[in-house]
Amino acid sequence: MSDQLPELLPKDGRVLFYGSMVEVVELARRCRIDAYPDIYALAVFRRVTGREALLEASTVAMLNARDWPQGQLASKLMEKV
């Protein structure tokens, strides 16, 4: 993320940032999402929309459905932005 979207990285509060990334990875595991591009897309989505949007029932249901080609979650998440 620091190479592609450095503006999404916090200047302060890095501990909170890393905690939010752990939360993203844990959600990905619970939803059986293991492709790196999809986990990265979740991380970007979390940074852009916030924690609430990531944990919304509709978002979690979409993630559990896994109805996107592996590695293409970003396009599915963009529908929610």
PDB file of N, CA and C in Angstrom:
ATOM      1  N   MET A   1       0.827  -1.184   0.000  1.00  0.00           N
ATOM      2  CA  MET A   1       0.000   0.000   0.000  1.00  0.00           C
ATOM      3  C   MET A   1       0.872   1.249   0.000  1.00  0.00           C
ATOM      4  N   SER A   2       2.014   1.168   0.648  1.00  0.00           N
ATOM      5  CA  SER A   2       2.877   2.342   0.707  1.00  0.00           C
ATOM      6  C   SER A   2       3.424   2.711  -0.671  1.00  0.00           C
ATOM      7  N   ASP A   3       3.564   1.741  -1.561  1.00  0.00           N
ATOM      8  CA  ASP A   3       4.045   2.032  -2.917  1.00  0.00           C
ATOM      9  C   ASP A   3       2.929   2.530  -3.822  1.00  0.00           C
ATOM     10  N   GLN A   4       1.749   1.921  -3.719  1.00  0.00           N
ATOM     11  CA  GLN A   4       0.665   2.225  -4.649  1.00  0.00           C
ATOM     12  C   GLN A   4      -0.272   3.332  -4.173  1.00  0.00           C
ATOM     13  N   LEU A   5      -0.551   3.359  -2.883  1.00  0.00           N
ATOM     14  CA  LEU A   5      -1.510   4.332  -2.350  1.00  0.00           C
ATOM     15  C   LEU A   5      -0.994   4.957  -1.052  1.00  0.00           C
ATOM     16  N   PRO A   6       0.132   5.636  -1.105  1.00  0.00           N
ATOM     17  CA  PRO A   6       0.712   6.178   0.132  1.00  0.00           C
ATOM     18  C   PRO A   6      -0.204   7.171   0.842  1.00  0.00           C
ATOM     19  N   GLU A   7      -1.099   7.797   0.120  1.00  0.00           N
ATOM     20  CA  GLU A   7      -2.004   8.758   0.742  1.00  0.00           C
ATOM     21  C   GLU A   7      -2.988   8.094   1.712  1.00  0.00           C
ATOM     22  N   LEU A   8      -3.128   6.772   1.629  1.00  0.00           N
ATOM     23  CA  LEU A   8      -4.019   6.061   2.547  1.00  0.00           C
ATOM     24  C   LEU A   8      -3.344   5.686   3.863  1.00  0.00           C
ATOM     25  N   LEU A   9      -2.059   5.881   3.928  1.00  0.00           N
ATOM     26  CA  LEU A   9      -1.332   5.540   5.152  1.00  0.00           C
ATOM     27  C   LEU A   9      -1.374   6.713   6.116  1.00  0.00           C
ATOM     28  N   PRO A  10      -1.595   6.426   7.394  1.00  0.00           N
ATOM     29  CA  PRO A  10      -1.654   7.519   8.369  1.00  0.00           C
ATOM     30  C   PRO A  10      -0.272   8.086   8.653  1.00  0.00           C
ATOM     31  N   LYS A  11      -0.245   9.360   8.931  1.00  0.00           N
ATOM     32  CA  LYS A  11       1.015   9.993   9.330  1.00  0.00           C
ATOM     33  C   LYS A  11       1.299   9.698  10.806  1.00  0.00           C
ATOM     34  N   ASP A  12       0.232   9.611  11.588  1.00  0.00           N
ATOM     35  CA  ASP A  12       0.311   9.276  13.017  1.00  0.00           C
ATOM     36  C   ASP A  12      -0.626   8.097  13.273  1.00  0.00           C
ATOM     37  N   GLY A  13      -0.507   7.510  14.427  1.00  0.00           N
ATOM     38  CA  GLY A  13      -1.417   6.442  14.808  1.00  0.00           C
ATOM     39  C   GLY A  13      -1.195   5.143  14.057  1.00  0.00           C
ATOM     40  N   ARG A  14       0.059   4.850  13.789  1.00  0.00           N
ATOM     41  CA  ARG A  14       0.349   3.622  13.035  1.00  0.00           C
ATOM     42  C   ARG A  14      -0.085   2.355  13.763  1.00  0.00           C
ATOM     43  N   VAL A  15      -0.081   2.378  15.078  1.00  0.00           N
ATOM     44  CA  VAL A  15      -0.523   1.204  15.838  1.00  0.00           C
ATOM     45  C   VAL A  15      -1.988   0.917  15.509  1.00  0.00           C
ATOM     46  N   LEU A  16      -2.806   1.944  15.463  1.00  0.00           N
ATOM     47  CA  LEU A  16      -4.214   1.765  15.100  1.00  0.00           C
ATOM     48  C   LEU A  16      -4.353   1.266  13.674  1.00  0.00           C
ATOM     49  N   PHE A  17      -3.514   1.792  12.788  1.00  0.00           N
ATOM     50  CA  PHE A  17      -3.537   1.352  11.396  1.00  0.00           C
ATOM     51  C   PHE A  17      -3.222  -0.141  11.300  1.00  0.00           C
ATOM     52  N   TYR A  18      -2.158  -0.561  11.952  1.00  0.00           N
ATOM     53  CA  TYR A  18      -1.784  -1.979  11.892  1.00  0.00           C
ATOM     54  C   TYR A  18      -2.869  -2.847  12.516  1.00  0.00           C
ATOM     55  N   GLY A  19      -3.496  -2.370  13.555  1.00  0.00           N
ATOM     56  CA  GLY A  19      -4.612  -3.105  14.152  1.00  0.00           C
ATOM     57  C   GLY A  19      -5.762  -3.262  13.180  1.00  0.00           C
ATOM     58  N   SER A  20      -6.034  -2.224  12.406  1.00  0.00           N
ATOM     59  CA  SER A  20      -7.118  -2.309  11.421  1.00  0.00           C
ATOM     60  C   SER A  20      -6.762  -3.287  10.303  1.00  0.00           C
ATOM     61  N   MET A  21      -5.478  -3.394   9.976  1.00  0.00           N
ATOM     62  CA  MET A  21      -5.066  -4.346   8.947  1.00  0.00           C
ATOM     63  C   MET A  21      -5.162  -5.783   9.455  1.00  0.00           C
ATOM     64  N   VAL A  22      -4.893  -5.982  10.732  1.00  0.00           N
ATOM     65  CA  VAL A  22      -5.081  -7.310  11.334  1.00  0.00           C
ATOM     66  C   VAL A  22      -6.561  -7.682  11.253  1.00  0.00           C
ATOM     67  N   GLU A  23      -7.420  -6.716  11.528  1.00  0.00           N
ATOM     68  CA  GLU A  23      -8.855  -6.952  11.443  1.00  0.00           C
ATOM     69  C   GLU A  23      -9.273  -7.354  10.027  1.00  0.00           C
ATOM     70  N   VAL A  24      -8.685  -6.722   9.027  1.00  0.00           N
ATOM     71  CA  VAL A  24      -8.975  -7.053   7.632  1.00  0.00           C
ATOM     72  C   VAL A  24      -8.565  -8.496   7.332  1.00  0.00           C
ATOM     73  N   VAL A  25      -7.375  -8.864   7.754  1.00  0.00           N
ATOM     74  CA  VAL A  25      -6.877 -10.217   7.493  1.00  0.00           C
ATOM     75  C   VAL A  25      -7.739 -11.253   8.216  1.00  0.00           C
ATOM     76  N   GLU A  26      -8.152 -10.958   9.432  1.00  0.00           N
ATOM     77  CA  GLU A  26      -9.017 -11.879  10.171  1.00  0.00           C
ATOM     78  C   GLU A  26     -10.361 -12.054   9.476  1.00  0.00           C
ATOM     79  N   LEU A  27     -10.932 -10.962   8.972  1.00  0.00           N
ATOM     80  CA  LEU A  27     -12.189 -11.048   8.229  1.00  0.00           C
ATOM     81  C   LEU A  27     -11.997 -11.875   6.961  1.00  0.00           C
ATOM     82  N   ALA A  28     -10.911 -11.646   6.268  1.00  0.00           N
ATOM     83  CA  ALA A  28     -10.628 -12.419   5.052  1.00  0.00           C
ATOM     84  C   ALA A  28     -10.551 -13.914   5.375  1.00  0.00           C
ATOM     85  N   ARG A  29      -9.900 -14.254   6.449  1.00  0.00           N
ATOM     86  CA  ARG A  29      -9.802 -15.674   6.846  1.00  0.00           C
ATOM     87  C   ARG A  29     -11.170 -16.250   7.171  1.00  0.00           C
ATOM     88  N   ARG A  30     -11.971 -15.496   7.918  1.00  0.00           N
ATOM     89  CA  ARG A  30     -13.313 -15.988   8.269  1.00  0.00           C
ATOM     90  C   ARG A  30     -14.166 -16.212   7.021  1.00  0.00           C
ATOM     91  N   CYS A  31     -13.954 -15.381   6.016  1.00  0.00           N
ATOM     92  CA  CYS A  31     -14.735 -15.482   4.777  1.00  0.00           C
ATOM     93  C   CYS A  31     -14.044 -16.355   3.727  1.00  0.00           C
ATOM     94  N   ARG A  32     -12.947 -16.989   4.126  1.00  0.00           N
ATOM     95  CA  ARG A  32     -12.171 -17.880   3.249  1.00  0.00           C
ATOM     96  C   ARG A  32     -11.693 -17.168   1.979  1.00  0.00           C
ATOM     97  N   ILE A  33     -11.210 -15.957   2.165  1.00  0.00           N
ATOM     98  CA  ILE A  33     -10.625 -15.188   1.073  1.00  0.00           C
ATOM     99  C   ILE A  33      -9.121 -15.267   1.257  1.00  0.00           C
ATOM    100  N   ASP A  34      -8.433 -15.844   0.263  1.00  0.00           N
ATOM    101  CA  ASP A  34      -6.996 -16.035   0.448  1.00  0.00           C
ATOM    102  C   ASP A  34      -6.132 -15.481  -0.681  1.00  0.00           C
ATOM    103  N   ALA A  35      -6.728 -14.958  -1.718  1.00  0.00           N
ATOM    104  CA  ALA A  35      -5.937 -14.359  -2.799  1.00  0.00           C
ATOM    105  C   ALA A  35      -5.422 -12.994  -2.341  1.00  0.00           C
ATOM    106  N   TYR A  36      -4.118 -12.783  -2.491  1.00  0.00           N
ATOM    107  CA  TYR A  36      -3.520 -11.521  -2.031  1.00  0.00           C
ATOM    108  C   TYR A  36      -4.223 -10.293  -2.628  1.00  0.00           C
ATOM    109  N   PRO A  37      -4.527 -10.265  -3.937  1.00  0.00           N
ATOM    110  CA  PRO A  37      -5.197  -9.063  -4.470  1.00  0.00           C
ATOM    111  C   PRO A  37      -6.544  -8.796  -3.799  1.00  0.00           C
ATOM    112  N   ASP A  38      -7.239  -9.851  -3.397  1.00  0.00           N
ATOM    113  CA  ASP A  38      -8.530  -9.667  -2.738  1.00  0.00           C
ATOM    114  C   ASP A  38      -8.354  -9.143  -1.317  1.00  0.00           C
ATOM    115  N   ILE A  39      -7.360  -9.635  -0.606  1.00  0.00           N
ATOM    116  CA  ILE A  39      -7.084  -9.137   0.749  1.00  0.00           C
ATOM    117  C   ILE A  39      -6.625  -7.687   0.675  1.00  0.00           C
ATOM    118  N   TYR A  40      -5.798  -7.375  -0.302  1.00  0.00           N
ATOM    119  CA  TYR A  40      -5.348  -5.999  -0.506  1.00  0.00           C
ATOM    120  C   TYR A  40      -6.547  -5.095  -0.791  1.00  0.00           C
ATOM    121  N   ALA A  41      -7.471  -5.570  -1.622  1.00  0.00           N
ATOM    122  CA  ALA A  41      -8.678  -4.791  -1.936  1.00  0.00           C
ATOM    123  C   ALA A  41      -9.492  -4.536  -0.671  1.00  0.00           C
ATOM    124  N   LEU A  42      -9.583  -5.527   0.192  1.00  0.00           N
ATOM    125  CA  LEU A  42     -10.277  -5.334   1.470  1.00  0.00           C
ATOM    126  C   LEU A  42      -9.581  -4.280   2.323  1.00  0.00           C
ATOM    127  N   ALA A  43      -8.266  -4.312   2.343  1.00  0.00           N
ATOM    128  CA  ALA A  43      -7.503  -3.334   3.122  1.00  0.00           C
ATOM    129  C   ALA A  43      -7.738  -1.918   2.598  1.00  0.00           C
ATOM    130  N   VAL A  44      -7.726  -1.759   1.293  1.00  0.00           N
ATOM    131  CA  VAL A  44      -7.969  -0.438   0.700  1.00  0.00           C
ATOM    132  C   VAL A  44      -9.401   0.003   0.999  1.00  0.00           C
ATOM    133  N   PHE A  45     -10.344  -0.915   0.839  1.00  0.00           N
ATOM    134  CA  PHE A  45     -11.750  -0.610   1.125  1.00  0.00           C
ATOM    135  C   PHE A  45     -11.906  -0.140   2.570  1.00  0.00           C
ATOM    136  N   ARG A  46     -11.239  -0.811   3.484  1.00  0.00           N
ATOM    137  CA  ARG A  46     -11.290  -0.450   4.901  1.00  0.00           C
ATOM    138  C   ARG A  46     -10.753   0.957   5.124  1.00  0.00           C
ATOM    139  N   ARG A  47      -9.650   1.280   4.462  1.00  0.00           N
ATOM    140  CA  ARG A  47      -9.048   2.607   4.635  1.00  0.00           C
ATOM    141  C   ARG A  47      -9.924   3.695   4.021  1.00  0.00           C
ATOM    142  N   VAL A  48     -10.565   3.406   2.907  1.00  0.00           N
ATOM    143  CA  VAL A  48     -11.361   4.416   2.210  1.00  0.00           C
ATOM    144  C   VAL A  48     -12.718   4.622   2.876  1.00  0.00           C
ATOM    145  N   THR A  49     -13.353   3.538   3.317  1.00  0.00           N
ATOM    146  CA  THR A  49     -14.730   3.638   3.800  1.00  0.00           C
ATOM    147  C   THR A  49     -14.861   3.592   5.314  1.00  0.00           C
ATOM    148  N   GLY A  50     -13.858   3.039   5.998  1.00  0.00           N
ATOM    149  CA  GLY A  50     -13.932   2.924   7.444  1.00  0.00           C
ATOM    150  C   GLY A  50     -14.353   1.541   7.901  1.00  0.00           C
ATOM    151  N   ARG A  51     -14.253   1.348   9.187  1.00  0.00           N
ATOM    152  CA  ARG A  51     -14.525   0.043   9.798  1.00  0.00           C
ATOM    153  C   ARG A  51     -15.978  -0.384   9.630  1.00  0.00           C
ATOM    154  N   GLU A  52     -16.905   0.544   9.804  1.00  0.00           N
ATOM    155  CA  GLU A  52     -18.323   0.208   9.761  1.00  0.00           C
ATOM    156  C   GLU A  52     -18.724  -0.388   8.418  1.00  0.00           C
ATOM    157  N   ALA A  53     -18.263   0.197   7.326  1.00  0.00           N
ATOM    158  CA  ALA A  53     -18.611  -0.310   5.989  1.00  0.00           C
ATOM    159  C   ALA A  53     -18.053  -1.712   5.774  1.00  0.00           C
ATOM    160  N   LEU A  54     -16.866  -1.965   6.321  1.00  0.00           N
ATOM    161  CA  LEU A  54     -16.251  -3.284   6.171  1.00  0.00           C
ATOM    162  C   LEU A  54     -17.058  -4.345   6.902  1.00  0.00           C
ATOM    163  N   LEU A  55     -17.624  -3.995   8.051  1.00  0.00           N
ATOM    164  CA  LEU A  55     -18.321  -4.966   8.882  1.00  0.00           C
ATOM    165  C   LEU A  55     -19.835  -4.965   8.706  1.00  0.00           C
ATOM    166  N   GLU A  56     -20.351  -4.137   7.777  1.00  0.00           N
ATOM    167  CA  GLU A  56     -21.789  -4.127   7.496  1.00  0.00           C
ATOM    168  C   GLU A  56     -22.253  -5.529   7.111  1.00  0.00           C
ATOM    169  N   ALA A  57     -23.464  -5.859   7.493  1.00  0.00           N
ATOM    170  CA  ALA A  57     -24.010  -7.178   7.178  1.00  0.00           C
ATOM    171  C   ALA A  57     -23.989  -7.439   5.670  1.00  0.00           C
ATOM    172  N   SER A  58     -24.295  -6.428   4.872  1.00  0.00           N
ATOM    173  CA  SER A  58     -24.324  -6.632   3.415  1.00  0.00           C
ATOM    174  C   SER A  58     -22.921  -6.886   2.860  1.00  0.00           C
ATOM    175  N   THR A  59     -21.921  -6.235   3.430  1.00  0.00           N
ATOM    176  CA  THR A  59     -20.546  -6.461   2.986  1.00  0.00           C
ATOM    177  C   THR A  59     -20.093  -7.864   3.365  1.00  0.00           C
ATOM    178  N   VAL A  60     -20.355  -8.263   4.591  1.00  0.00           N
ATOM    179  CA  VAL A  60     -19.948  -9.595   5.046  1.00  0.00           C
ATOM    180  C   VAL A  60     -20.676 -10.669   4.243  1.00  0.00           C
ATOM    181  N   ALA A  61     -21.950 -10.471   3.957  1.00  0.00           N
ATOM    182  CA  ALA A  61     -22.700 -11.435   3.144  1.00  0.00           C
ATOM    183  C   ALA A  61     -22.092 -11.551   1.747  1.00  0.00           C
ATOM    184  N   MET A  62     -21.714 -10.411   1.156  1.00  0.00           N
ATOM    185  CA  MET A  62     -21.085 -10.423  -0.158  1.00  0.00           C
ATOM    186  C   MET A  62     -19.763 -11.182  -0.115  1.00  0.00           C
ATOM    187  N   LEU A  63     -18.980 -10.946   0.934  1.00  0.00           N
ATOM    188  CA  LEU A  63     -17.691 -11.617   1.061  1.00  0.00           C
ATOM    189  C   LEU A  63     -17.878 -13.120   1.243  1.00  0.00           C
ATOM    190  N   ASN A  64     -18.854 -13.513   2.038  1.00  0.00           N
ATOM    191  CA  ASN A  64     -19.118 -14.938   2.251  1.00  0.00           C
ATOM    192  C   ASN A  64     -19.626 -15.622   0.982  1.00  0.00           C
ATOM    193  N   ALA A  65     -20.335 -14.882   0.134  1.00  0.00           N
ATOM    194  CA  ALA A  65     -20.856 -15.454  -1.114  1.00  0.00           C
ATOM    195  C   ALA A  65     -19.733 -15.749  -2.115  1.00  0.00           C
ATOM    196  N   ARG A  66     -18.673 -14.961  -2.048  1.00  0.00           N
ATOM    197  CA  ARG A  66     -17.503 -15.134  -2.933  1.00  0.00           C
ATOM    198  C   ARG A  66     -17.918 -15.302  -4.396  1.00  0.00           C
ATOM    199  N   ASP A  67     -18.746 -14.390  -4.880  1.00  0.00           N
ATOM    200  CA  ASP A  67     -19.236 -14.486  -6.259  1.00  0.00           C
ATOM    201  C   ASP A  67     -18.491 -13.549  -7.218  1.00  0.00           C
ATOM    202  N   TRP A  68     -17.187 -13.518  -7.100  1.00  0.00           N
ATOM    203  CA  TRP A  68     -16.323 -12.758  -8.001  1.00  0.00           C
ATOM    204  C   TRP A  68     -15.168 -13.678  -8.376  1.00  0.00           C
ATOM    205  N   PRO A  69     -14.575 -13.443  -9.537  1.00  0.00           N
ATOM    206  CA  PRO A  69     -13.390 -14.241  -9.899  1.00  0.00           C
ATOM    207  C   PRO A  69     -12.260 -13.961  -8.907  1.00  0.00           C
ATOM    208  N   GLN A  70     -11.573 -15.011  -8.495  1.00  0.00           N
ATOM    209  CA  GLN A  70     -10.483 -14.846  -7.540  1.00  0.00           C
ATOM    210  C   GLN A  70      -9.528 -13.758  -8.018  1.00  0.00           C
ATOM    211  N   GLY A  71      -9.181 -12.866  -7.112  1.00  0.00           N
ATOM    212  CA  GLY A  71      -8.287 -11.758  -7.430  1.00  0.00           C
ATOM    213  C   GLY A  71      -8.999 -10.523  -7.950  1.00  0.00           C
ATOM    214  N   GLN A  72     -10.324 -10.577  -8.061  1.00  0.00           N
ATOM    215  CA  GLN A  72     -11.093  -9.465  -8.635  1.00  0.00           C
ATOM    216  C   GLN A  72     -12.071  -8.829  -7.644  1.00  0.00           C
ATOM    217  N   LEU A  73     -11.830  -8.999  -6.356  1.00  0.00           N
ATOM    218  CA  LEU A  73     -12.723  -8.442  -5.345  1.00  0.00           C
ATOM    219  C   LEU A  73     -12.806  -6.923  -5.419  1.00  0.00           C
ATOM    220  N   ALA A  74     -11.746  -6.275  -5.837  1.00  0.00           N
ATOM    221  CA  ALA A  74     -11.746  -4.801  -5.890  1.00  0.00           C
ATOM    222  C   ALA A  74     -12.915  -4.275  -6.708  1.00  0.00           C
ATOM    223  N   SER A  75     -13.190  -4.890  -7.841  1.00  0.00           N
ATOM    224  CA  SER A  75     -14.305  -4.397  -8.682  1.00  0.00           C
ATOM    225  C   SER A  75     -15.632  -4.588  -7.979  1.00  0.00           C
ATOM    226  N   LYS A  76     -15.786  -5.651  -7.224  1.00  0.00           N
ATOM    227  CA  LYS A  76     -17.018  -5.901  -6.472  1.00  0.00           C
ATOM    228  C   LYS A  76     -17.167  -4.872  -5.340  1.00  0.00           C
ATOM    229  N   LEU A  77     -16.075  -4.579  -4.663  1.00  0.00           N
ATOM    230  CA  LEU A  77     -16.121  -3.596  -3.569  1.00  0.00           C
ATOM    231  C   LEU A  77     -16.395  -2.182  -4.089  1.00  0.00           C
ATOM    232  N   MET A  78     -15.931  -1.890  -5.286  1.00  0.00           N
ATOM    233  CA  MET A  78     -16.149  -0.558  -5.856  1.00  0.00           C
ATOM    234  C   MET A  78     -17.637  -0.263  -6.013  1.00  0.00           C
ATOM    235  N   GLU A  79     -18.445  -1.302  -6.184  1.00  0.00           N
ATOM    236  CA  GLU A  79     -19.895  -1.123  -6.282  1.00  0.00           C
ATOM    237  C   GLU A  79     -20.463  -0.568  -4.979  1.00  0.00           C
ATOM    238  N   LYS A  80     -19.770  -0.784  -3.867  1.00  0.00           N
ATOM    239  CA  LYS A  80     -20.232  -0.347  -2.563  1.00  0.00           C
ATOM    240  C   LYS A  80     -19.712   1.031  -2.172  1.00  0.00           C
ATOM    241  N   VAL A  81     -18.800   1.576  -2.947  1.00  0.00           N
ATOM    242  CA  VAL A  81     -18.200   2.876  -2.600  1.00  0.00           C
ATOM    243  C   VAL A  81     -19.016   4.008  -3.197  1.00  0.00           C
TER     244      VAL A  81
END
